[in-house]
Amino acid sequence: MDNWFWVVIIPFAIGLILLFVEYRSGIFVPKKNLKVEILVDAPLFSVHVYKGYEGKIDVYFDGVPVDNLSIFALRFSNAGRMAIKSEDYEKPLNINFVHPTSIKQIDIASSNPSNLPITYLSTIKWVLFEI
């Protein structure tokens, strides 16, 4: 009787407990999870900060005058354990800005795989990424 308890009942009970824990937490289920991190969101320059200097200070980006200059960097990554495919999304990734913004430059720092085709379209209020 003692051997039966240790060989069958205890492993069976442990298995049921693990199944319950997995069901509640999803630890063992492969998931798709797109993670978005804001790496940098920093103003570099604003003419309006320097009261009385409007019209006296000129700042240019790529030969075009600007009043405010900021840098904004995002990282998109797969935080799950399954590959995220383009058909997993109904529409492309869209980044909306609260205030009207003139986006002067978009750089793709890296991608994995390195030949992943990433295209984008930007307007004053949003950036649309197609992967």
Foldseek 3Di string as FASTA:
>chain_A
DVVCCVPPVVVVVVVVVVVVVCVVPVPPPFDWDKDKDWPFWFKPAAQVVDPPCVVVDFDDDPNHTDRTHIDTDMDIDTPTRDDDDLVNDPFFDKAFDPFFADDDDDDDPADVVRPDDWDWDDDRTMITIRD
